[in-house]
Amino acid sequence: MRPLVTDGAVARDAGLADGAPSLTVVLDGGGQGPTGGAGAAGGAIAAAGRGAIALAPAGSPLRPVARLMGADVVALPADARAAAWVLGVALRAGGDDDGGTLRRLEGLASAAASGGASLARTRPAVLLRWAGWAWRRCGRCSGGGVPGGPCGRCGARVDGGAR
């Protein structure tokens, strides 16, 4: 599994405040001043290592810092419960990485943000396979999401074109 990085608030909401294997948490209050949060985010991305995927909530310094450092970024839903759910599913899905992890996480975040993801007890691996299947390319960036939902990378509406 590719290493994941997320904000402390999202990890807390998911019951993972102390982190987990393959999860690096951006510590709250990572520094003082205007660049304090950015410094903590940069440290977390660096600690996660190559191939990290940042699961970044809106307004978090993690999103722009991860992009600047060359990490892939998945835009988490604005709803804290949905964001925590996406993180939980991502961590429980298992360790396979056939190169489609980013696409599946974008689809999952998109479905959760559009209200189309059920918080029922469907197995995480099944949810991620579905998200990968439902994923469609965004017309604005190289990311994507589920048709009718926001892009899991830039937030633009995905109309449902090519995979």
Protein backbone atom coordinates (compact mmCIF):
# COMPACT_ATOMS: atom_id res chain seq x y z
CA MET A 1 0.00 0.00 0.00
CA ARG A 2 1.21 3.48 -0.79
CA PRO A 3 1.84 5.59 2.32
CA LEU A 4 -1.00 7.95 3.25
CA VAL A 5 -0.76 11.35 4.94
CA THR A 6 -3.65 13.28 6.49
CA ASP A 7 -4.42 16.04 8.98
CA GLY A 8 -4.66 15.32 12.69
CA ALA A 9 -8.35 16.33 12.80
CA VAL A 10 -9.28 13.80 10.10
CA ALA A 11 -7.27 11.06 11.82
CA ARG A 12 -8.97 11.84 15.15
CA ASP A 13 -12.42 11.71 13.57
CA ALA A 14 -11.51 8.31 12.09
CA GLY A 15 -10.31 7.05 15.48
CA LEU A 16 -6.69 7.07 14.36
CA ALA A 17 -5.21 9.98 16.32
CA ASP A 18 -2.01 8.01 16.95
CA GLY A 19 -1.66 7.08 13.31
CA ALA A 20 -1.53 3.57 11.88
CA PRO A 21 0.83 1.50 9.76
CA SER A 22 1.17 3.26 6.39
CA LEU A 23 -0.42 6.46 7.80
CA THR A 24 1.48 9.62 8.70
CA VAL A 25 -0.51 12.25 10.59
CA VAL A 26 0.20 15.97 10.34
CA LEU A 27 0.43 17.02 13.96
CA ASP A 28 -1.78 19.88 15.05
CA GLY A 29 0.05 22.99 16.13
CA GLY A 30 3.10 22.01 14.12
CA GLY A 31 4.65 25.42 14.54
CA GLN A 32 3.99 29.06 15.22
CA GLY A 33 3.47 31.81 12.71
CA PRO A 34 2.05 31.83 9.21
CA THR A 35 4.11 28.89 7.94
CA GLY A 36 3.76 26.65 11.02
CA GLY A 37 1.06 24.40 9.53
CA ALA A 38 2.89 24.24 6.23
CA GLY A 39 6.08 23.19 8.00
CA ALA A 40 4.27 20.37 9.80
CA ALA A 41 2.64 19.28 6.53
CA GLY A 42 6.00 19.28 4.74
CA GLY A 43 7.55 17.24 7.53
CA ALA A 44 4.74 14.68 7.36
CA ILE A 45 5.05 14.33 3.56
CA ALA A 46 8.81 13.91 3.86
CA ALA A 47 8.40 11.34 6.65
CA ALA A 48 5.90 9.33 4.59
CA GLY A 49 8.42 8.98 1.78
CA ARG A 50 8.16 8.29 -1.93
CA GLY A 51 4.78 7.51 -3.39
CA ALA A 52 2.83 9.20 -0.58
CA ILE A 53 -0.79 10.15 -1.16
CA ALA A 54 -2.05 13.13 0.83
CA LEU A 55 -5.70 12.83 1.89
CA ALA A 56 -6.25 16.54 2.39
CA PRO A 57 -9.33 18.32 3.71
CA ALA A 58 -10.34 21.68 2.25
CA GLY A 59 -8.42 24.60 3.67
CA SER A 60 -5.59 22.46 4.98
CA PRO A 61 -2.00 23.48 4.26
CA LEU A 62 -1.42 19.80 3.47
CA ARG A 63 -3.01 20.14 0.01
CA PRO A 64 -0.71 22.82 -1.49
CA VAL A 65 2.39 21.62 0.36
CA ALA A 66 1.93 18.04 -0.84
CA ARG A 67 1.51 19.26 -4.43
CA LEU A 68 4.66 21.37 -4.16
CA MET A 69 6.57 18.36 -2.84
CA GLY A 70 5.39 16.15 -5.71
CA ALA A 71 3.01 13.95 -3.72
CA ASP A 72 -0.37 12.91 -5.11
CA VAL A 73 -3.30 14.66 -3.43
CA VAL A 74 -6.87 13.48 -2.91
CA ALA A 75 -9.31 16.23 -1.92
CA LEU A 76 -11.35 14.95 1.01
CA PRO A 77 -15.03 15.88 1.35
CA ALA A 78 -15.78 19.03 3.34
CA ASP A 79 -17.99 17.03 5.72
CA ALA A 80 -15.76 15.82 8.58
CA ARG A 81 -17.64 12.52 8.97
CA ALA A 82 -17.34 11.73 5.25
CA ALA A 83 -13.63 12.66 5.26
CA ALA A 84 -12.99 10.34 8.22
CA TRP A 85 -14.95 7.59 6.47
CA VAL A 86 -12.78 7.90 3.33
CA LEU A 87 -9.63 7.62 5.46
CA GLY A 88 -11.00 4.61 7.33
CA VAL A 89 -11.92 2.77 4.14
CA ALA A 90 -8.55 3.58 2.59
CA LEU A 91 -6.65 2.13 5.55
CA ARG A 92 -8.77 -1.00 5.90
CA ALA A 93 -8.70 -1.89 2.23
CA GLY A 94 -5.50 -3.86 2.32
CA GLY A 95 -2.06 -3.62 0.90
CA ASP A 96 -2.41 -4.24 -2.82
CA ASP A 97 -1.25 -1.50 -5.13
CA ASP A 98 -1.70 -2.27 -8.77
CA GLY A 99 -1.22 1.34 -9.70
CA GLY A 100 -4.91 2.14 -9.30
CA THR A 101 -4.86 3.24 -5.67
CA LEU A 102 -4.95 6.96 -6.48
CA ARG A 103 -7.84 6.52 -8.91
CA ARG A 104 -9.82 4.44 -6.40
CA LEU A 105 -9.25 6.97 -3.61
CA GLU A 106 -10.29 9.85 -5.88
CA GLY A 107 -13.47 7.95 -6.78
CA LEU A 108 -14.21 7.15 -3.15
CA ALA A 109 -13.70 10.76 -2.02
CA SER A 110 -15.83 11.98 -4.92
CA ALA A 111 -18.68 9.61 -4.07
CA ALA A 112 -18.53 10.54 -0.38
CA ALA A 113 -18.55 14.27 -1.18
CA SER A 114 -21.56 13.95 -3.48
CA GLY A 115 -23.54 12.00 -0.89
CA GLY A 116 -23.54 8.89 -3.06
CA ALA A 117 -21.36 6.77 -0.82
CA SER A 118 -23.17 4.70 1.71
CA LEU A 119 -21.67 4.56 5.15
CA ALA A 120 -23.05 1.05 5.46
CA ARG A 121 -20.93 -1.94 6.35
CA THR A 122 -19.78 -2.80 2.88
CA ARG A 123 -16.30 -4.29 2.85
CA PRO A 124 -13.64 -1.63 2.20
CA ALA A 125 -11.98 -3.62 -0.59
CA VAL A 126 -15.33 -3.86 -2.40
CA LEU A 127 -15.96 -0.13 -1.97
CA LEU A 128 -12.56 0.72 -3.42
CA ARG A 129 -13.03 -1.63 -6.38
CA TRP A 130 -16.39 0.02 -7.06
CA ALA A 131 -14.84 3.50 -6.78
CA GLY A 132 -12.16 2.52 -9.31
CA TRP A 133 -14.79 1.16 -11.69
CA ALA A 134 -17.04 4.23 -11.34
CA TRP A 135 -14.14 6.70 -11.72
CA ARG A 136 -14.27 9.00 -14.76
CA ARG A 137 -11.70 11.53 -15.93
CA CYS A 138 -12.13 15.16 -14.91
CA GLY A 139 -12.44 17.69 -17.73
CA ARG A 140 -10.32 20.24 -15.86
CA CYS A 141 -7.35 18.28 -14.47
CA SER A 142 -5.75 14.84 -14.72
CA GLY A 143 -7.76 13.53 -11.77
CA GLY A 144 -11.32 12.29 -11.70
CA GLY A 145 -14.22 11.04 -9.67
CA VAL A 146 -17.68 9.56 -9.98
CA PRO A 147 -20.10 11.03 -12.55
CA GLY A 148 -22.00 13.94 -11.03
CA GLY A 149 -19.61 14.21 -8.08
CA PRO A 150 -16.65 16.50 -7.52
CA CYS A 151 -13.24 15.60 -8.89
CA GLY A 152 -11.20 13.89 -6.21
CA ARG A 153 -8.24 16.07 -7.13
CA CYS A 154 -9.45 19.57 -8.04
CA GLY A 155 -13.09 19.60 -6.95
CA ALA A 156 -14.61 20.41 -10.37
CA ARG A 157 -17.80 18.55 -11.31
CA VAL A 158 -17.13 15.26 -13.15
CA ASP A 159 -19.51 14.87 -16.06
CA GLY A 160 -18.80 11.23 -16.76
CA GLY A 161 -16.66 10.90 -19.83
CA ALA A 162 -13.78 8.52 -20.43
CA ARG A 163 -12.14 6.40 -17.78
